[in-house]
N, C-alpha and C. Protein backbone atom coordinates (compact mmCIF):
# COMPACT_ATOMS: atom_id res chain seq x y z
N MET A 1 24.98 134.52 102.96
CA MET A 1 24.38 135.37 102.21
C MET A 1 25.35 136.16 101.30
N LYS A 2 25.27 136.28 100.20
CA LYS A 2 26.29 136.74 99.21
C LYS A 2 26.09 138.55 99.25
N SER A 3 27.07 139.28 99.68
CA SER A 3 26.36 140.73 99.57
C SER A 3 27.31 141.05 98.65
N TYR A 4 26.93 142.29 98.29
CA TYR A 4 27.18 143.19 96.92
C TYR A 4 27.74 144.59 97.12
N SER A 5 28.66 144.96 96.52
CA SER A 5 28.73 146.54 96.97
C SER A 5 28.98 147.21 95.55
N ILE A 6 28.84 148.34 95.68
CA ILE A 6 29.14 149.04 94.34
C ILE A 6 30.72 150.52 94.61
N HIS A 7 31.15 149.82 93.43
CA HIS A 7 32.62 150.57 93.79
C HIS A 7 32.41 151.79 92.72
N HIS A 8 33.00 152.71 93.01
CA HIS A 8 33.00 153.99 91.87
C HIS A 8 34.15 154.45 91.74
N GLU A 9 34.60 154.59 90.31
CA GLU A 9 36.02 154.61 89.92
C GLU A 9 35.80 156.30 89.40
N GLU A 10 36.52 157.09 89.50
CA GLU A 10 36.35 158.26 89.27
C GLU A 10 37.65 158.76 88.40
N LYS A 11 37.52 158.97 87.32
CA LYS A 11 38.21 159.37 86.38
C LYS A 11 38.50 160.85 85.95
N PRO A 12 39.57 161.22 85.60
CA PRO A 12 39.34 162.70 85.27
C PRO A 12 38.63 162.78 83.99
N CYS A 13 37.82 163.76 83.69
CA CYS A 13 37.06 164.02 82.77
C CYS A 13 37.31 165.48 82.04
N GLY A 14 37.21 165.33 80.84
CA GLY A 14 37.27 166.74 80.55
C GLY A 14 36.06 167.22 79.79
N PRO A 15 35.79 168.28 79.21
CA PRO A 15 34.29 168.67 78.86
C PRO A 15 33.86 167.86 77.89
N GLY A 16 32.79 167.68 78.07
CA GLY A 16 31.83 166.59 76.92
C GLY A 16 32.30 165.46 77.27
N GLU A 17 33.02 164.87 78.26
CA GLU A 17 32.84 163.41 79.01
C GLU A 17 31.80 163.09 80.04
N SER A 18 31.20 161.76 79.82
CA SER A 18 30.53 161.74 81.24
C SER A 18 31.41 160.87 82.03
N ILE A 19 30.82 160.82 83.43
CA ILE A 19 31.51 160.09 84.41
C ILE A 19 30.92 158.60 84.36
N ALA A 20 31.73 157.59 84.32
CA ALA A 20 31.11 156.15 84.52
C ALA A 20 31.38 155.70 85.62
N VAL A 21 30.46 154.87 85.84
CA VAL A 21 30.14 153.99 87.42
C VAL A 21 30.31 152.61 86.79
N LYS A 22 31.45 151.87 87.66
CA LYS A 22 31.04 150.47 87.33
C LYS A 22 30.61 149.86 88.75
N THR A 23 29.87 148.80 88.14
CA THR A 23 29.46 148.15 89.61
C THR A 23 29.75 146.79 89.53
N ASP A 24 29.93 146.19 91.14
CA ASP A 24 30.20 144.62 90.71
C ASP A 24 28.99 143.56 90.50
N VAL A 25 27.77 144.48 90.78
CA VAL A 25 26.64 143.14 90.69
C VAL A 25 25.98 143.92 89.21
N PRO A 26 25.99 142.94 88.30
CA PRO A 26 25.51 143.00 87.08
C PRO A 26 24.22 143.45 87.12
N GLU A 27 23.31 144.22 86.10
CA GLU A 27 22.02 144.70 85.89
C GLU A 27 20.92 143.37 85.77
N LYS A 28 21.44 142.35 85.38
CA LYS A 28 20.97 140.92 85.07
C LYS A 28 20.55 140.63 86.40
N LYS A 29 21.55 140.65 87.43
CA LYS A 29 21.01 140.06 88.52
C LYS A 29 20.20 140.87 89.50
N TRP A 30 20.02 142.10 89.20
CA TRP A 30 18.92 142.89 90.06
C TRP A 30 18.01 142.70 89.21
N LYS A 31 17.64 142.42 88.45
CA LYS A 31 16.27 142.19 87.65
C LYS A 31 15.90 140.74 88.14
N THR A 32 16.48 139.68 88.24
CA THR A 32 16.26 138.54 88.58
C THR A 32 15.88 138.66 90.34
N ILE A 33 16.55 139.35 90.94
CA ILE A 33 15.95 139.70 92.29
C ILE A 33 14.81 139.97 92.48
N LEU A 34 14.39 141.24 91.86
CA LEU A 34 12.96 141.87 91.52
C LEU A 34 12.07 140.76 91.36
N ALA A 35 12.58 140.24 90.33
CA ALA A 35 11.45 139.25 89.96
C ALA A 35 10.98 138.05 90.61
N ILE A 36 11.98 137.75 91.64
CA ILE A 36 11.84 136.62 92.47
C ILE A 36 10.73 137.38 93.76
N LEU A 37 11.19 138.45 93.87
CA LEU A 37 10.40 139.17 95.15
C LEU A 37 9.05 139.61 94.85
N ALA A 38 8.95 139.51 93.23
CA ALA A 38 7.29 139.96 92.86
C ALA A 38 6.44 138.98 92.58
N LEU A 39 7.20 137.69 92.24
CA LEU A 39 6.97 136.10 92.66
C LEU A 39 6.39 135.87 93.94
N ILE A 40 7.29 136.05 94.96
CA ILE A 40 6.78 135.93 96.38
C ILE A 40 5.67 136.77 96.70
N GLY A 41 5.68 138.16 96.27
CA GLY A 41 4.51 138.82 96.91
C GLY A 41 3.07 138.50 96.08
N ALA A 42 3.35 138.02 94.77
CA ALA A 42 2.05 137.62 94.12
C ALA A 42 1.60 136.10 94.72
N ALA A 43 2.86 134.95 94.96
CA ALA A 43 2.34 133.78 95.93
C ALA A 43 1.37 133.68 97.05
N PHE A 44 1.85 134.98 98.05
CA PHE A 44 1.26 135.79 99.22
C PHE A 44 -0.24 135.95 98.79
N LEU A 45 -0.42 137.05 97.68
CA LEU A 45 -1.82 137.32 97.47
C LEU A 45 -2.35 136.40 97.32
N ILE A 46 -1.96 135.32 96.41
CA ILE A 46 -2.98 134.40 95.77
C ILE A 46 -3.39 133.48 97.15
N ILE A 47 -2.41 133.02 97.79
CA ILE A 47 -2.71 132.14 99.12
C ILE A 47 -3.69 133.27 100.19
N LYS A 48 -3.52 134.64 100.34
CA LYS A 48 -4.49 135.53 100.77
C LYS A 48 -5.67 135.49 100.15
N LEU A 49 -5.99 135.30 99.15
CA LEU A 49 -7.33 135.37 98.74
C LEU A 49 -8.12 134.10 98.69
N GLN A 50 -7.46 132.84 98.60
CA GLN A 50 -7.82 131.37 98.49
C GLN A 50 -8.33 131.32 99.87
N LYS A 51 -8.22 131.98 101.26
CA LYS A 51 -8.64 131.28 102.58
C LYS A 51 -9.63 132.38 102.57
N PRO A 52 -10.53 131.83 103.07
CA PRO A 52 -12.03 132.76 103.23
C PRO A 52 -11.77 133.34 104.71
N GLU A 53 -12.09 134.65 104.77
CA GLU A 53 -12.00 135.51 105.84
C GLU A 53 -12.82 134.82 107.00
N ALA A 54 -12.36 135.18 108.38
CA ALA A 54 -13.22 134.88 109.24
C ALA A 54 -14.69 135.83 109.32
N LYS A 55 -15.75 135.10 109.28
CA LYS A 55 -16.96 136.20 108.95
C LYS A 55 -17.43 136.78 110.60
N THR A 56 -17.51 137.97 110.91
CA THR A 56 -17.93 138.37 111.94
C THR A 56 -19.07 138.39 112.38
N PRO A 57 -19.91 137.74 113.54
CA PRO A 57 -20.97 137.88 113.61
C PRO A 57 -21.69 138.70 113.55
N SER A 58 -23.20 138.80 112.92
CA SER A 58 -24.07 139.77 113.04
C SER A 58 -24.42 140.06 114.48
N PHE A 59 -25.26 141.43 114.55
CA PHE A 59 -26.09 141.51 115.79
C PHE A 59 -26.80 140.10 116.22
N GLN A 60 -27.80 139.60 115.33
CA GLN A 60 -28.89 139.02 115.18
C GLN A 60 -28.00 137.52 115.69
N GLU A 61 -26.94 137.20 114.85
CA GLU A 61 -26.39 135.86 115.23
C GLU A 61 -25.74 136.02 116.49
N ALA A 62 -25.26 137.09 116.99
CA ALA A 62 -24.68 137.39 118.54
C ALA A 62 -25.60 137.02 119.39
N SER A 63 -26.74 137.46 118.97
CA SER A 63 -27.90 137.12 120.41
C SER A 63 -28.56 135.86 120.15
N ARG A 64 -28.43 135.49 118.91
CA ARG A 64 -28.88 134.07 119.18
C ARG A 64 -27.93 132.82 119.81
N LEU A 65 -26.71 133.50 119.54
CA LEU A 65 -25.41 132.72 120.53
C LEU A 65 -26.15 132.94 121.93
N VAL A 66 -25.87 133.98 122.25
CA VAL A 66 -26.25 134.21 123.94
C VAL A 66 -27.54 133.41 124.25
N LYS A 67 -28.74 133.39 123.71
CA LYS A 67 -29.70 132.62 124.12
C LYS A 67 -29.65 131.39 124.03
N THR A 68 -28.62 130.96 123.16
CA THR A 68 -28.64 129.55 123.10
C THR A 68 -27.83 128.90 124.17
N ALA A 69 -26.68 129.68 124.63
CA ALA A 69 -25.61 129.73 126.02
C ALA A 69 -26.68 129.68 127.16
N ALA A 70 -27.85 130.79 127.37
CA ALA A 70 -28.50 130.83 128.17
C ALA A 70 -29.76 129.60 128.56
N LYS A 71 -29.87 129.16 127.58
CA LYS A 71 -31.17 128.03 127.24
C LYS A 71 -30.36 126.68 127.85
N SER A 72 -28.74 126.38 127.29
CA SER A 72 -28.40 125.28 127.92
C SER A 72 -28.08 125.56 129.34
N ASN A 73 -27.43 126.58 130.08
CA ASN A 73 -27.43 126.64 131.16
C ASN A 73 -28.91 126.54 132.07
N GLY A 74 -29.84 127.21 131.68
CA GLY A 74 -31.02 127.00 132.27
C GLY A 74 -31.53 125.45 131.90
N GLU A 75 -30.91 124.79 131.41
CA GLU A 75 -31.37 123.04 131.15
C GLU A 75 -30.81 122.41 132.21
N ARG A 76 -29.19 123.12 132.21
CA ARG A 76 -28.55 122.10 133.06
C ARG A 76 -28.98 122.99 134.40
N SER A 77 -29.24 123.83 135.25
CA SER A 77 -30.03 124.03 136.09
C SER A 77 -30.89 123.13 136.49
N LYS A 78 -31.71 123.17 135.53
CA LYS A 78 -32.92 122.24 135.73
C LYS A 78 -32.57 120.82 136.09
N LYS A 79 -31.49 120.41 135.83
CA LYS A 79 -31.07 119.11 135.94
C LYS A 79 -30.33 118.93 137.51
N GLU A 80 -29.67 120.14 137.80
CA GLU A 80 -29.45 120.46 139.03
C GLU A 80 -30.23 120.08 139.91
N VAL A 81 -31.61 120.65 139.60
CA VAL A 81 -32.61 120.94 140.72
C VAL A 81 -33.30 119.38 140.52
N ALA A 82 -33.53 118.74 139.66
CA ALA A 82 -34.15 117.90 139.36
C ALA A 82 -33.18 116.49 140.35
N ILE A 83 -32.07 116.42 139.94
CA ILE A 83 -31.20 115.48 140.86
C ILE A 83 -29.88 115.99 141.45
N PRO A 84 -30.24 116.77 142.74
CA PRO A 84 -29.31 116.91 143.39
C PRO A 84 -28.32 116.06 144.27
N ALA A 85 -28.83 114.65 144.30
CA ALA A 85 -27.46 114.06 144.60
C ALA A 85 -26.48 113.66 143.91
N ARG A 86 -26.79 113.95 142.51
CA ARG A 86 -25.76 113.79 141.54
C ARG A 86 -24.57 114.90 141.65
N TYR A 87 -25.02 116.04 142.10
CA TYR A 87 -23.94 117.02 142.35
C TYR A 87 -23.56 117.10 143.84
N VAL A 88 -23.89 116.19 144.53
CA VAL A 88 -23.32 116.51 146.05
C VAL A 88 -22.45 114.90 146.18
N LYS A 89 -21.14 115.01 146.27
CA LYS A 89 -20.50 113.82 146.57
C LYS A 89 -20.04 113.72 148.09
N VAL A 90 -20.19 112.42 148.51
CA VAL A 90 -19.52 111.92 149.99
C VAL A 90 -18.59 111.00 150.10
N LYS A 91 -17.56 111.42 150.77
CA LYS A 91 -16.44 110.90 151.13
C LYS A 91 -16.50 110.31 152.53
N THR A 92 -16.24 109.02 152.92
CA THR A 92 -16.57 108.72 154.37
C THR A 92 -15.78 107.45 155.14
N ASN A 93 -15.42 107.57 156.09
CA ASN A 93 -14.84 106.71 156.94
C ASN A 93 -15.94 106.32 158.17
N TRP A 94 -15.67 105.10 158.55
CA TRP A 94 -15.81 105.13 160.06
C TRP A 94 -15.11 104.20 160.84
N ARG A 95 -15.41 104.28 161.97
CA ARG A 95 -14.60 103.55 163.08
C ARG A 95 -15.77 103.53 164.36
N LYS A 96 -15.12 102.47 165.03
CA LYS A 96 -16.06 102.27 166.45
C LYS A 96 -15.27 103.15 167.75
N ASN A 97 -15.74 103.72 168.58
CA ASN A 97 -15.28 104.72 169.46
C ASN A 97 -14.84 103.75 170.69
N LEU A 98 -14.58 104.35 171.93
CA LEU A 98 -14.47 103.45 173.20
C LEU A 98 -15.43 102.69 173.46
N ILE A 99 -16.62 103.31 173.22
CA ILE A 99 -17.66 102.60 173.88
C ILE A 99 -18.47 101.58 172.94
N GLY A 100 -18.07 101.47 171.89
CA GLY A 100 -18.19 100.16 171.01
C GLY A 100 -19.40 101.07 169.78
N GLU A 101 -19.61 102.34 169.90
CA GLU A 101 -20.56 102.81 169.09
C GLU A 101 -19.85 103.16 167.61
N THR A 102 -20.66 103.01 166.67
CA THR A 102 -19.96 103.06 165.22
C THR A 102 -20.32 104.73 164.74
N VAL A 103 -19.16 105.34 164.65
CA VAL A 103 -19.16 106.79 164.03
C VAL A 103 -18.71 107.01 162.59
N LEU A 104 -19.51 107.76 162.10
CA LEU A 104 -19.28 107.67 160.35
C LEU A 104 -18.88 109.27 160.48
N GLU A 105 -17.28 109.55 159.89
CA GLU A 105 -17.00 110.89 159.59
C GLU A 105 -16.53 110.86 158.03
N GLY A 106 -16.80 112.12 157.71
CA GLY A 106 -16.48 112.23 155.96
C GLY A 106 -16.62 113.79 155.63
N THR A 107 -16.92 113.85 154.40
CA THR A 107 -17.08 115.10 153.72
C THR A 107 -18.32 115.29 152.65
N LEU A 108 -19.07 116.37 152.34
CA LEU A 108 -20.04 116.40 151.71
C LEU A 108 -19.11 117.66 150.59
N GLN A 109 -19.49 117.24 149.47
CA GLN A 109 -18.87 118.13 148.38
C GLN A 109 -20.02 118.86 147.36
N ASN A 110 -20.20 119.86 147.35
CA ASN A 110 -21.31 120.42 146.53
C ASN A 110 -20.52 120.70 144.79
N THR A 111 -20.57 119.87 143.86
CA THR A 111 -20.08 120.35 142.68
C THR A 111 -20.93 120.85 141.60
N ALA A 112 -22.08 121.31 142.16
CA ALA A 112 -22.96 122.19 141.17
C ALA A 112 -22.39 123.65 141.19
N PRO A 113 -22.05 124.15 139.94
CA PRO A 113 -21.62 125.38 139.90
C PRO A 113 -22.44 126.45 140.17
N ILE A 114 -23.94 126.17 140.38
CA ILE A 114 -24.94 127.59 140.39
C ILE A 114 -25.84 127.42 141.77
N TYR A 115 -26.01 126.20 142.13
CA TYR A 115 -27.18 125.91 143.32
C TYR A 115 -26.46 125.65 144.65
N ASN A 116 -27.21 126.12 145.55
CA ASN A 116 -27.01 126.08 147.12
C ASN A 116 -27.68 124.92 147.61
N PHE A 117 -27.52 123.83 148.40
CA PHE A 117 -28.43 122.87 148.93
C PHE A 117 -28.21 122.82 150.71
N LYS A 118 -29.47 122.13 150.81
CA LYS A 118 -29.49 122.30 152.22
C LYS A 118 -30.00 120.92 152.47
N ASP A 119 -29.95 120.24 153.90
CA ASP A 119 -30.69 119.08 154.36
C ASP A 119 -30.04 117.92 153.71
N PRO A 120 -29.19 117.82 153.32
CA PRO A 120 -29.35 116.41 152.56
C PRO A 120 -28.85 115.30 153.76
N ILE A 121 -29.81 114.00 153.01
CA ILE A 121 -29.91 113.04 153.55
C ILE A 121 -28.74 111.92 153.04
N LEU A 122 -27.88 111.29 154.39
CA LEU A 122 -27.16 110.33 153.90
C LEU A 122 -27.63 108.93 153.79
N LEU A 123 -27.52 108.13 153.14
CA LEU A 123 -28.09 106.85 152.87
C LEU A 123 -26.94 105.65 153.39
N ALA A 124 -26.77 105.48 154.62
CA ALA A 124 -25.69 104.28 155.06
C ALA A 124 -26.37 102.95 154.53
N THR A 125 -25.57 101.90 153.51
CA THR A 125 -25.95 100.49 153.70
C THR A 125 -24.71 99.87 154.27
N TRP A 126 -25.59 98.91 155.21
CA TRP A 126 -24.39 98.21 156.13
C TRP A 126 -24.45 96.73 155.09
N LEU A 127 -23.01 96.43 155.29
CA LEU A 127 -22.51 94.89 154.69
C LEU A 127 -21.81 94.19 155.38
N SER A 128 -22.33 92.87 154.99
CA SER A 128 -21.74 91.55 155.63
C SER A 128 -20.23 91.35 155.65
N LYS A 129 -19.41 90.63 155.86
CA LYS A 129 -18.24 90.01 155.61
C LYS A 129 -18.27 89.72 153.70
N THR A 130 -19.54 89.13 153.34
CA THR A 130 -19.59 88.93 152.07
C THR A 130 -20.25 89.85 151.30
N HIS A 131 -20.31 91.09 151.74
CA HIS A 131 -20.81 92.27 151.12
C HIS A 131 -22.17 92.14 150.57
N THR A 132 -23.13 91.59 151.47
CA THR A 132 -24.27 91.10 151.46
C THR A 132 -25.37 92.46 152.54
N VAL A 133 -25.94 92.93 152.04
CA VAL A 133 -26.63 94.18 152.54
C VAL A 133 -27.29 93.75 153.76
N MET A 134 -26.86 93.93 154.73
CA MET A 134 -27.50 93.69 156.27
C MET A 134 -28.82 94.88 156.61
N GLY A 135 -28.61 95.96 155.81
CA GLY A 135 -29.75 96.74 156.11
C GLY A 135 -29.24 98.02 155.79
N THR A 136 -30.29 99.12 155.91
CA THR A 136 -30.19 100.76 155.55
C THR A 136 -30.51 101.68 156.61
N SER A 137 -29.69 102.75 156.70
CA SER A 137 -30.30 103.88 157.54
C SER A 137 -30.18 105.35 156.72
N ARG A 138 -30.94 105.85 157.01
CA ARG A 138 -30.88 107.12 156.75
C ARG A 138 -30.75 108.52 157.85
N TYR A 139 -29.73 109.23 157.63
CA TYR A 139 -29.34 110.20 158.45
C TYR A 139 -29.54 111.71 157.77
N PRO A 140 -30.39 112.61 158.06
CA PRO A 140 -30.41 113.83 157.76
C PRO A 140 -29.40 114.88 158.26
N LEU A 141 -28.67 115.29 157.52
CA LEU A 141 -27.69 116.24 158.07
C LEU A 141 -28.40 117.65 157.82
N TYR A 142 -28.67 118.70 158.85
CA TYR A 142 -29.03 119.99 158.84
C TYR A 142 -28.06 120.89 158.78
N GLU A 143 -27.46 120.99 157.41
CA GLU A 143 -26.27 121.66 156.81
C GLU A 143 -26.57 122.49 156.01
N TYR A 144 -25.80 123.56 155.54
CA TYR A 144 -26.26 124.24 154.34
C TYR A 144 -24.84 123.84 153.41
N LEU A 145 -25.22 123.38 152.04
CA LEU A 145 -23.72 123.11 151.27
C LEU A 145 -24.02 124.11 150.11
N GLU A 146 -23.06 125.08 150.09
CA GLU A 146 -22.82 125.95 149.33
C GLU A 146 -22.46 125.94 147.82
N ALA A 147 -22.50 126.08 146.86
CA ALA A 147 -22.21 125.68 145.39
C ALA A 147 -20.48 125.77 145.34
N GLY A 148 -19.88 124.53 145.09
CA GLY A 148 -18.55 124.51 144.92
C GLY A 148 -18.06 124.37 146.24
N ARG A 149 -18.45 124.16 147.44
CA ARG A 149 -17.77 124.17 149.07
C ARG A 149 -18.14 122.43 149.29
N THR A 150 -17.27 122.41 150.35
CA THR A 150 -16.81 121.13 150.85
C THR A 150 -17.10 121.51 152.42
N ILE A 151 -17.91 120.46 153.04
CA ILE A 151 -18.03 120.67 154.46
C ILE A 151 -18.00 119.01 155.05
N PRO A 152 -17.48 119.22 156.54
CA PRO A 152 -17.36 117.86 157.04
C PRO A 152 -18.38 117.85 157.77
N PHE A 153 -18.41 116.36 158.20
CA PHE A 153 -19.48 115.89 158.88
C PHE A 153 -19.29 114.62 159.92
N LYS A 154 -19.76 114.65 160.59
CA LYS A 154 -19.60 113.47 162.00
C LYS A 154 -20.70 112.78 162.87
N LEU A 155 -21.25 111.87 162.58
CA LEU A 155 -22.15 111.35 163.31
C LEU A 155 -21.84 109.72 163.97
N LYS A 156 -23.00 109.40 164.88
CA LYS A 156 -22.70 108.44 165.50
C LYS A 156 -24.39 107.86 164.84
N ALA A 157 -23.78 106.47 164.61
CA ALA A 157 -24.93 105.72 163.93
C ALA A 157 -24.88 104.38 164.69
N LYS A 158 -26.11 103.98 164.13
CA LYS A 158 -26.98 102.57 165.02
C LYS A 158 -26.86 101.37 163.66
N ALA A 159 -25.56 100.82 163.79
CA ALA A 159 -25.26 99.88 162.80
C ALA A 159 -25.86 98.28 163.48
N PRO A 160 -26.04 97.55 162.70
CA PRO A 160 -26.81 96.08 162.99
C PRO A 160 -25.05 95.68 163.28
N SER A 161 -25.53 94.37 164.34
CA SER A 161 -24.50 93.74 164.84
C SER A 161 -23.91 92.85 163.88
N LYS A 162 -22.77 92.74 164.08
CA LYS A 162 -21.61 91.88 163.00
C LYS A 162 -21.68 92.22 161.77
N PHE A 163 -21.53 93.63 161.38
CA PHE A 163 -21.29 94.32 159.77
C PHE A 163 -19.90 94.28 159.93
N ALA A 164 -19.60 94.45 158.42
CA ALA A 164 -18.33 94.24 158.08
C ALA A 164 -17.76 95.50 157.41
N ASP A 165 -18.68 96.53 156.85
CA ASP A 165 -18.35 97.45 156.19
C ASP A 165 -19.74 98.41 155.98
N VAL A 166 -19.51 99.53 155.82
CA VAL A 166 -20.62 100.33 155.28
C VAL A 166 -20.60 101.30 154.12
N LYS A 167 -21.57 101.28 153.39
CA LYS A 167 -21.22 102.42 151.91
C LYS A 167 -22.13 103.07 152.31
N VAL A 168 -21.94 104.89 152.10
CA VAL A 168 -22.73 106.08 152.25
C VAL A 168 -22.55 106.48 151.36
N SER A 169 -23.96 107.15 150.93
CA SER A 169 -24.41 107.81 149.42
C SER A 169 -25.53 108.95 149.95
N ILE A 170 -25.53 109.82 149.07
CA ILE A 170 -26.60 110.74 149.23
C ILE A 170 -27.97 110.48 148.68
N GLU A 171 -28.79 110.42 149.43
CA GLU A 171 -30.07 109.63 149.22
C GLU A 171 -31.05 110.90 148.41
N SER A 172 -30.89 112.33 149.05
CA SER A 172 -31.68 113.40 148.78
C SER A 172 -30.96 114.59 149.25
N ALA A 173 -31.08 115.69 148.63
CA ALA A 173 -30.84 117.40 149.11
C ALA A 173 -31.94 118.36 148.79
N THR A 174 -32.25 119.36 149.39
CA THR A 174 -33.01 120.09 148.99
C THR A 174 -32.54 121.16 148.35
N VAL A 175 -32.96 122.11 147.56
CA VAL A 175 -32.21 123.13 146.86
C VAL A 175 -32.56 124.59 147.79
N ALA A 176 -31.26 125.05 147.92
CA ALA A 176 -31.43 126.39 149.07
C ALA A 176 -31.76 127.64 148.31
N GLN A 177 -33.11 128.41 148.92
CA GLN A 177 -33.51 129.32 148.53
C GLN A 177 -33.20 130.46 148.96
């Protein structure tokens, strides 16, 4: 950027003579700079006036928004109560112990943000080598499952002979009061 400096020459002056100041920046350049600054300011004001300002919600609008949010939370809560199996996830592994019994081990996870569940019922589907359903069994777990928590489980199951695999899902659960 170009810089400008003002030089001052002093001349001895007599009575009735004025002091003359000589500058390196002509008056025309100062006027140009001021005009550019005025144009930038005017452009800024035009842009600012064309943008609609964010309207702050009134008290009535804010209370309506709060009621809408509460209503959606209430609807979500009803869904959680209606289908708790949707919010309880199960992960399972199975093995045979030393005496040949089938042992199911895994975890239950409650993904519901609000509700606690109790007494989930596991549904074990026994499968053959060709993934044909050989039978099903229900196993209630008498446990509390708090919102957002995961609990382990381990149970001995009566499996059909010659099964190849088992799939475990949640059949139901009760909302804890």
